[in-house]
């Protein structure tokens, strides 16, 4: 619908950031989007060792971007380009594994009594599940969920204790690498906002973001179980 509106009014160009989905799971150009961007730092390179980006689209638009790039800079260096190319060779293998594990993790968390809510487009409970199922080949490797505090514990503290109890993932705000990463948005991405300000954009103190890597699925489930037992 967004692409159709852009086309209807002619001069409006539509841009989609497909970093979380990757080309393995969706191709927005097929739906009429004008430009698609990816942070190659994430899934495309896949090893948390590159800073780069990608823009895809119609040749005329890309030519205009190249002219601006030549003036403003932001040109990837040869070694970084090599690392991205290396990562692309295993992109589909990695993303398929991450899709699979994320789906299993989301379904497990949704039934756990110490989890209040799970956000993952592969779940029927997600408000946009129908759209995702119609457009995507997989639902990605990032699962967000809200910890259910026990015995009146502060929600911020409960989520922090859960994260500190996890053994496999590193605590970091990125995503898309072979290593699993976990973080608490209230203390990382949105630390500079008050609780009230965060709530207006849907970020609760007990929210956890889990960017799943390529570790063994059973190991990740066992790690989640032992961490949830500590709440």
C-alpha atoms as a PDB file:
ATOM      1  CA  UNK A   1       0.000   0.000   0.000  1.00  0.00           C
ATOM      2  CA  UNK A   2       2.836   2.399   0.819  1.00  0.00           C
ATOM      3  CA  UNK A   3       4.448   1.780  -2.570  1.00  0.00           C
ATOM      4  CA  UNK A   4       1.106   2.323  -4.329  1.00  0.00           C
ATOM      5  CA  UNK A   5       0.578   5.657  -2.568  1.00  0.00           C
ATOM      6  CA  UNK A   6       4.065   6.773  -3.585  1.00  0.00           C
ATOM      7  CA  UNK A   7       3.432   5.849  -7.200  1.00  0.00           C
ATOM      8  CA  UNK A   8       0.035   7.578  -7.131  1.00  0.00           C
ATOM      9  CA  UNK A   9       1.565  10.915  -6.199  1.00  0.00           C
ATOM     10  CA  UNK A  10       4.528  10.549  -8.527  1.00  0.00           C
ATOM     11  CA  UNK A  11       7.267  12.521  -6.819  1.00  0.00           C
ATOM     12  CA  UNK A  12       7.124  10.552  -3.554  1.00  0.00           C
ATOM     13  CA  UNK A  13       9.901   7.959  -3.354  1.00  0.00           C
ATOM     14  CA  UNK A  14       9.485   5.047  -0.980  1.00  0.00           C
ATOM     15  CA  UNK A  15      12.416   3.740   1.058  1.00  0.00           C
ATOM     16  CA  UNK A  16      12.479   0.603   3.204  1.00  0.00           C
ATOM     17  CA  UNK A  17      15.169  -0.431   5.682  1.00  0.00           C
ATOM     18  CA  UNK A  18      15.223  -4.228   5.305  1.00  0.00           C
ATOM     19  CA  UNK A  19      18.186  -4.858   7.611  1.00  0.00           C
ATOM     20  CA  UNK A  20      16.243  -7.011  10.079  1.00  0.00           C
ATOM     21  CA  UNK A  21      14.610  -9.096   7.342  1.00  0.00           C
ATOM     22  CA  UNK A  22      17.565  -9.491   4.928  1.00  0.00           C
ATOM     23  CA  UNK A  23      17.182 -10.373   1.224  1.00  0.00           C
ATOM     24  CA  UNK A  24      16.786 -13.998   2.301  1.00  0.00           C
ATOM     25  CA  UNK A  25      13.399 -13.240   3.836  1.00  0.00           C
ATOM     26  CA  UNK A  26      11.995 -10.441   1.675  1.00  0.00           C
ATOM     27  CA  UNK A  27      12.679  -8.385  -1.456  1.00  0.00           C
ATOM     28  CA  UNK A  28      10.855  -5.045  -1.040  1.00  0.00           C
ATOM     29  CA  UNK A  29      11.629  -4.059  -4.645  1.00  0.00           C
ATOM     30  CA  UNK A  30       9.200  -6.806  -5.701  1.00  0.00           C
ATOM     31  CA  UNK A  31       6.445  -4.850  -3.945  1.00  0.00           C
ATOM     32  CA  UNK A  32       7.191  -1.600  -5.756  1.00  0.00           C
ATOM     33  CA  UNK A  33       9.443   0.079  -3.190  1.00  0.00           C
ATOM     34  CA  UNK A  34      11.862   2.527  -4.852  1.00  0.00           C
ATOM     35  CA  UNK A  35      14.916   2.117  -2.621  1.00  0.00           C
ATOM     36  CA  UNK A  36      15.929  -0.585  -0.142  1.00  0.00           C
ATOM     37  CA  UNK A  37      18.686  -0.054   2.402  1.00  0.00           C
ATOM     38  CA  UNK A  38      20.591  -2.553   4.542  1.00  0.00           C
ATOM     39  CA  UNK A  39      23.103  -2.122   7.305  1.00  0.00           C
ATOM     40  CA  UNK A  40      25.774  -4.479   5.981  1.00  0.00           C
ATOM     41  CA  UNK A  41      27.247  -4.342   9.482  1.00  0.00           C
ATOM     42  CA  UNK A  42      24.475  -6.719  10.527  1.00  0.00           C
ATOM     43  CA  UNK A  43      23.311  -9.874   8.706  1.00  0.00           C
ATOM     44  CA  UNK A  44      24.976  -9.282   5.333  1.00  0.00           C
ATOM     45  CA  UNK A  45      28.504  -9.433   6.745  1.00  0.00           C
ATOM     46  CA  UNK A  46      27.369 -11.551   9.680  1.00  0.00           C
ATOM     47  CA  UNK A  47      30.447 -11.440  11.895  1.00  0.00           C
ATOM     48  CA  UNK A  48      30.228  -8.109  13.770  1.00  0.00           C
ATOM     49  CA  UNK A  49      33.460  -6.841  12.227  1.00  0.00           C
ATOM     50  CA  UNK A  50      32.382  -4.382   9.510  1.00  0.00           C
ATOM     51  CA  UNK A  51      30.821  -0.927   9.249  1.00  0.00           C
ATOM     52  CA  UNK A  52      29.094  -0.638   5.880  1.00  0.00           C
ATOM     53  CA  UNK A  53      25.754  -0.077   4.202  1.00  0.00           C
ATOM     54  CA  UNK A  54      23.944  -1.046   1.010  1.00  0.00           C
ATOM     55  CA  UNK A  55      21.385   0.762  -1.148  1.00  0.00           C
ATOM     56  CA  UNK A  56      19.375  -1.083  -3.805  1.00  0.00           C
ATOM     57  CA  UNK A  57      16.994   0.331  -6.373  1.00  0.00           C
ATOM     58  CA  UNK A  58      16.352   1.689  -9.836  1.00  0.00           C
ATOM     59  CA  UNK A  59      19.491   2.637 -11.788  1.00  0.00           C
ATOM     60  CA  UNK A  60      18.560   6.298 -12.179  1.00  0.00           C
ATOM     61  CA  UNK A  61      18.075   6.796  -8.456  1.00  0.00           C
ATOM     62  CA  UNK A  62      21.309   4.989  -7.652  1.00  0.00           C
ATOM     63  CA  UNK A  63      23.250   7.172 -10.083  1.00  0.00           C
ATOM     64  CA  UNK A  64      22.043  10.282  -8.264  1.00  0.00           C
ATOM     65  CA  UNK A  65      23.122   8.726  -4.976  1.00  0.00           C
ATOM     66  CA  UNK A  66      26.556   7.897  -6.390  1.00  0.00           C
ATOM     67  CA  UNK A  67      27.072  11.539  -7.298  1.00  0.00           C
ATOM     68  CA  UNK A  68      26.240  12.618  -3.755  1.00  0.00           C
ATOM     69  CA  UNK A  69      28.436   9.870  -2.353  1.00  0.00           C
ATOM     70  CA  UNK A  70      31.390  11.131  -4.356  1.00  0.00           C
ATOM     71  CA  UNK A  71      30.965  14.600  -2.874  1.00  0.00           C
ATOM     72  CA  UNK A  72      30.042  13.693   0.691  1.00  0.00           C
ATOM     73  CA  UNK A  73      32.185  10.588   1.181  1.00  0.00           C
ATOM     74  CA  UNK A  74      31.032   7.467   2.952  1.00  0.00           C
ATOM     75  CA  UNK A  75      32.796   5.141   0.523  1.00  0.00           C
ATOM     76  CA  UNK A  76      33.499   1.649   1.835  1.00  0.00           C
ATOM     77  CA  UNK A  77      37.175   0.688   2.099  1.00  0.00           C
ATOM     78  CA  UNK A  78      38.516  -2.364   0.196  1.00  0.00           C
ATOM     79  CA  UNK A  79      39.012  -4.564   3.244  1.00  0.00           C
ATOM     80  CA  UNK A  80      35.512  -3.894   4.552  1.00  0.00           C
ATOM     81  CA  UNK A  81      34.135  -4.713   1.093  1.00  0.00           C
ATOM     82  CA  UNK A  82      36.042  -7.997   1.186  1.00  0.00           C
ATOM     83  CA  UNK A  83      34.585  -8.847   4.604  1.00  0.00           C
ATOM     84  CA  UNK A  84      31.040  -8.145   3.404  1.00  0.00           C
ATOM     85  CA  UNK A  85      31.626 -10.305   0.320  1.00  0.00           C
ATOM     86  CA  UNK A  86      32.915 -13.094   2.565  1.00  0.00           C
ATOM     87  CA  UNK A  87      29.838 -12.868   4.749  1.00  0.00           C
ATOM     88  CA  UNK A  88      27.453 -12.967   1.804  1.00  0.00           C
ATOM     89  CA  UNK A  89      28.677 -16.458   0.957  1.00  0.00           C
ATOM     90  CA  UNK A  90      27.033 -17.834   4.099  1.00  0.00           C
ATOM     91  CA  UNK A  91      24.129 -15.377   4.372  1.00  0.00           C
ATOM     92  CA  UNK A  92      21.371 -17.812   3.464  1.00  0.00           C
ATOM     93  CA  UNK A  93      22.742 -20.568   5.697  1.00  0.00           C
ATOM     94  CA  UNK A  94      23.005 -18.214   8.663  1.00  0.00           C
ATOM     95  CA  UNK A  95      19.630 -16.546   8.227  1.00  0.00           C
ATOM     96  CA  UNK A  96      17.781 -19.830   7.776  1.00  0.00           C
ATOM     97  CA  UNK A  97      19.253 -21.087  11.048  1.00  0.00           C
ATOM     98  CA  UNK A  98      18.425 -17.818  12.809  1.00  0.00           C
ATOM     99  CA  UNK A  99      14.867 -17.881  11.434  1.00  0.00           C
ATOM    100  CA  UNK A 100      14.377 -21.419  12.674  1.00  0.00           C
ATOM    101  CA  UNK A 101      15.786 -20.834  16.140  1.00  0.00           C
ATOM    102  CA  UNK A 102      13.932 -17.537  16.577  1.00  0.00           C
ATOM    103  CA  UNK A 103      10.612 -19.194  15.772  1.00  0.00           C
ATOM    104  CA  UNK A 104      11.257 -21.959  18.302  1.00  0.00           C
ATOM    105  CA  UNK A 105      12.387 -19.438  20.928  1.00  0.00           C
ATOM    106  CA  UNK A 106       9.366 -17.194  20.360  1.00  0.00           C
ATOM    107  CA  UNK A 107       6.949 -20.111  20.698  1.00  0.00           C
ATOM    108  CA  UNK A 108       8.717 -21.292  23.859  1.00  0.00           C
ATOM    109  CA  UNK A 109       8.675 -17.846  25.469  1.00  0.00           C
ATOM    110  CA  UNK A 110       5.024 -17.244  24.599  1.00  0.00           C
ATOM    111  CA  UNK A 111       3.983 -20.157  26.814  1.00  0.00           C
ATOM    112  CA  UNK A 112       6.347 -19.409  29.710  1.00  0.00           C
ATOM    113  CA  UNK A 113       4.656 -18.092  32.885  1.00  0.00           C
ATOM    114  CA  UNK A 114       7.488 -15.643  33.576  1.00  0.00           C
ATOM    115  CA  UNK A 115       7.126 -13.938  30.186  1.00  0.00           C
ATOM    116  CA  UNK A 116       4.339 -11.368  29.892  1.00  0.00           C
ATOM    117  CA  UNK A 117       4.394 -10.856  26.130  1.00  0.00           C
ATOM    118  CA  UNK A 118       6.420 -11.844  23.069  1.00  0.00           C
ATOM    119  CA  UNK A 119       6.935  -9.737  19.947  1.00  0.00           C
ATOM    120  CA  UNK A 120       7.848 -11.786  16.872  1.00  0.00           C
ATOM    121  CA  UNK A 121       6.140 -11.609  13.456  1.00  0.00           C
ATOM    122  CA  UNK A 122       6.228 -15.387  13.128  1.00  0.00           C
ATOM    123  CA  UNK A 123       3.695 -15.717  15.957  1.00  0.00           C
ATOM    124  CA  UNK A 124      -0.022 -15.635  15.182  1.00  0.00           C
ATOM    125  CA  UNK A 125      -0.402 -13.304  18.186  1.00  0.00           C
ATOM    126  CA  UNK A 126       1.684 -10.581  16.523  1.00  0.00           C
ATOM    127  CA  UNK A 127      -0.531  -7.771  15.182  1.00  0.00           C
ATOM    128  CA  UNK A 128       1.215  -7.849  11.791  1.00  0.00           C
ATOM    129  CA  UNK A 129       1.554 -11.620  11.451  1.00  0.00           C
ATOM    130  CA  UNK A 130      -0.826 -11.861   8.482  1.00  0.00           C
ATOM    131  CA  UNK A 131       1.088  -9.225   6.519  1.00  0.00           C
ATOM    132  CA  UNK A 132       4.449 -10.791   7.375  1.00  0.00           C
ATOM    133  CA  UNK A 133       3.241 -14.265   6.412  1.00  0.00           C
ATOM    134  CA  UNK A 134       1.989 -12.973   3.064  1.00  0.00           C
ATOM    135  CA  UNK A 135       5.150 -11.060   2.158  1.00  0.00           C
ATOM    136  CA  UNK A 136       8.063 -12.812   3.861  1.00  0.00           C
ATOM    137  CA  UNK A 137       9.819 -16.146   3.383  1.00  0.00           C
ATOM    138  CA  UNK A 138      11.046 -16.127   6.984  1.00  0.00           C
ATOM    139  CA  UNK A 139      10.529 -13.928  10.029  1.00  0.00           C
ATOM    140  CA  UNK A 140      14.068 -12.999  11.050  1.00  0.00           C
ATOM    141  CA  UNK A 141      16.292 -13.644  14.023  1.00  0.00           C
ATOM    142  CA  UNK A 142      15.225 -10.954  16.519  1.00  0.00           C
ATOM    143  CA  UNK A 143      12.744 -11.789  19.272  1.00  0.00           C
ATOM    144  CA  UNK A 144      11.569  -9.171  21.774  1.00  0.00           C
ATOM    145  CA  UNK A 145       9.715 -10.059  24.942  1.00  0.00           C
ATOM    146  CA  UNK A 146       8.598  -8.617  28.258  1.00  0.00           C
ATOM    147  CA  UNK A 147       9.651 -10.278  31.492  1.00  0.00           C
ATOM    148  CA  UNK A 148       6.852 -10.826  34.041  1.00  0.00           C
ATOM    149  CA  UNK A 149       8.251  -9.606  37.396  1.00  0.00           C
ATOM    150  CA  UNK A 150       7.712 -11.938  40.338  1.00  0.00           C
ATOM    151  CA  UNK A 151       6.704 -11.037  43.911  1.00  0.00           C
ATOM    152  CA  UNK A 152       6.372  -7.326  43.182  1.00  0.00           C
ATOM    153  CA  UNK A 153       9.912  -6.909  41.854  1.00  0.00           C
ATOM    154  CA  UNK A 154      10.686  -3.750  39.909  1.00  0.00           C
ATOM    155  CA  UNK A 155      10.221  -4.556  36.162  1.00  0.00           C
ATOM    156  CA  UNK A 156      13.509  -2.873  35.244  1.00  0.00           C
ATOM    157  CA  UNK A 157      15.406  -4.941  37.794  1.00  0.00           C
ATOM    158  CA  UNK A 158      13.678  -8.193  36.812  1.00  0.00           C
ATOM    159  CA  UNK A 159      14.643  -7.831  33.156  1.00  0.00           C
ATOM    160  CA  UNK A 160      18.190  -6.800  34.071  1.00  0.00           C
ATOM    161  CA  UNK A 161      18.597  -9.833  36.339  1.00  0.00           C
ATOM    162  CA  UNK A 162      17.323 -12.131  33.602  1.00  0.00           C
ATOM    163  CA  UNK A 163      19.810 -10.710  31.089  1.00  0.00           C
ATOM    164  CA  UNK A 164      22.685 -10.957  33.548  1.00  0.00           C
ATOM    165  CA  UNK A 165      21.784 -14.630  34.082  1.00  0.00           C
ATOM    166  CA  UNK A 166      22.037 -15.531  30.395  1.00  0.00           C
ATOM    167  CA  UNK A 167      25.282 -17.322  29.527  1.00  0.00           C
ATOM    168  CA  UNK A 168      25.315 -17.704  25.732  1.00  0.00           C
ATOM    169  CA  UNK A 169      24.509 -14.224  24.383  1.00  0.00           C
ATOM    170  CA  UNK A 170      26.744 -11.220  24.787  1.00  0.00           C
ATOM    171  CA  UNK A 171      25.143  -8.062  26.171  1.00  0.00           C
ATOM    172  CA  UNK A 172      25.269  -5.655  23.237  1.00  0.00           C
ATOM    173  CA  UNK A 173      22.827  -3.586  21.138  1.00  0.00           C
ATOM    174  CA  UNK A 174      23.692  -4.873  17.665  1.00  0.00           C
ATOM    175  CA  UNK A 175      22.289  -7.863  15.748  1.00  0.00           C
ATOM    176  CA  UNK A 176      22.805 -10.111  12.747  1.00  0.00           C
ATOM    177  CA  UNK A 177      26.100 -11.765  13.631  1.00  0.00           C
ATOM    178  CA  UNK A 178      26.834 -15.418  14.271  1.00  0.00           C
ATOM    179  CA  UNK A 179      26.895 -14.686  18.007  1.00  0.00           C
ATOM    180  CA  UNK A 180      23.653 -14.154  19.904  1.00  0.00           C
ATOM    181  CA  UNK A 181      23.289 -10.708  21.477  1.00  0.00           C
ATOM    182  CA  UNK A 182      20.850  -9.581  24.146  1.00  0.00           C
ATOM    183  CA  UNK A 183      20.025  -6.224  25.661  1.00  0.00           C
ATOM    184  CA  UNK A 184      17.472  -4.222  27.620  1.00  0.00           C
ATOM    185  CA  UNK A 185      16.315  -1.258  25.471  1.00  0.00           C
ATOM    186  CA  UNK A 186      15.316   0.812  28.515  1.00  0.00           C
ATOM    187  CA  UNK A 187      18.938   0.766  29.712  1.00  0.00           C
ATOM    188  CA  UNK A 188      20.680   0.889  26.324  1.00  0.00           C
ATOM    189  CA  UNK A 189      18.942   2.310  23.248  1.00  0.00           C
ATOM    190  CA  UNK A 190      16.550   4.541  25.203  1.00  0.00           C
ATOM    191  CA  UNK A 191      18.471   5.183  28.406  1.00  0.00           C
ATOM    192  CA  UNK A 192      18.190   8.958  27.944  1.00  0.00           C
ATOM    193  CA  UNK A 193      14.374   8.914  28.066  1.00  0.00           C
ATOM    194  CA  UNK A 194      12.235   8.808  31.188  1.00  0.00           C
ATOM    195  CA  UNK A 195       9.997   5.825  31.876  1.00  0.00           C
ATOM    196  CA  UNK A 196       6.982   7.871  30.800  1.00  0.00           C
ATOM    197  CA  UNK A 197       8.652   8.928  27.544  1.00  0.00           C
ATOM    198  CA  UNK A 198       9.639   5.360  26.758  1.00  0.00           C
ATOM    199  CA  UNK A 199       6.107   4.112  27.364  1.00  0.00           C
ATOM    200  CA  UNK A 200       4.721   6.528  24.768  1.00  0.00           C
ATOM    201  CA  UNK A 201       6.758   4.683  22.115  1.00  0.00           C
ATOM    202  CA  UNK A 202       6.068   1.221  23.481  1.00  0.00           C
ATOM    203  CA  UNK A 203       9.363   0.618  25.303  1.00  0.00           C
ATOM    204  CA  UNK A 204       8.630  -0.871  28.709  1.00  0.00           C
ATOM    205  CA  UNK A 205      11.209  -1.251  31.456  1.00  0.00           C
ATOM    206  CA  UNK A 206      10.875  -5.053  31.326  1.00  0.00           C
ATOM    207  CA  UNK A 207      11.397  -5.326  27.548  1.00  0.00           C
ATOM    208  CA  UNK A 208      14.247  -7.561  26.348  1.00  0.00           C
ATOM    209  CA  UNK A 209      15.600  -7.732  22.792  1.00  0.00           C
ATOM    210  CA  UNK A 210      17.235 -11.019  21.841  1.00  0.00           C
ATOM    211  CA  UNK A 211      19.153 -11.073  18.538  1.00  0.00           C
ATOM    212  CA  UNK A 212      19.684 -14.765  17.915  1.00  0.00           C
ATOM    213  CA  UNK A 213      22.879 -16.122  16.388  1.00  0.00           C
ATOM    214  CA  UNK A 214      23.685 -19.519  14.930  1.00  0.00           C
ATOM    215  CA  UNK A 215      24.306 -21.402  18.168  1.00  0.00           C
ATOM    216  CA  UNK A 216      22.563 -24.719  18.761  1.00  0.00           C
ATOM    217  CA  UNK A 217      18.831 -24.198  19.256  1.00  0.00           C
ATOM    218  CA  UNK A 218      18.607 -26.592  22.202  1.00  0.00           C
ATOM    219  CA  UNK A 219      21.489 -24.799  23.941  1.00  0.00           C
ATOM    220  CA  UNK A 220      19.725 -21.449  23.580  1.00  0.00           C
ATOM    221  CA  UNK A 221      16.475 -22.867  24.968  1.00  0.00           C
ATOM    222  CA  UNK A 222      18.312 -24.363  27.938  1.00  0.00           C
ATOM    223  CA  UNK A 223      20.011 -21.033  28.600  1.00  0.00           C
ATOM    224  CA  UNK A 224      16.683 -19.203  28.514  1.00  0.00           C
ATOM    225  CA  UNK A 225      15.179 -21.739  30.899  1.00  0.00           C
ATOM    226  CA  UNK A 226      17.918 -21.426  33.500  1.00  0.00           C
ATOM    227  CA  UNK A 227      17.853 -17.617  33.302  1.00  0.00           C
ATOM    228  CA  UNK A 228      14.068 -17.474  33.694  1.00  0.00           C
ATOM    229  CA  UNK A 229      14.318 -19.729  36.745  1.00  0.00           C
ATOM    230  CA  UNK A 230      16.393 -17.008  38.432  1.00  0.00           C
ATOM    231  CA  UNK A 231      13.625 -14.413  38.247  1.00  0.00           C
END
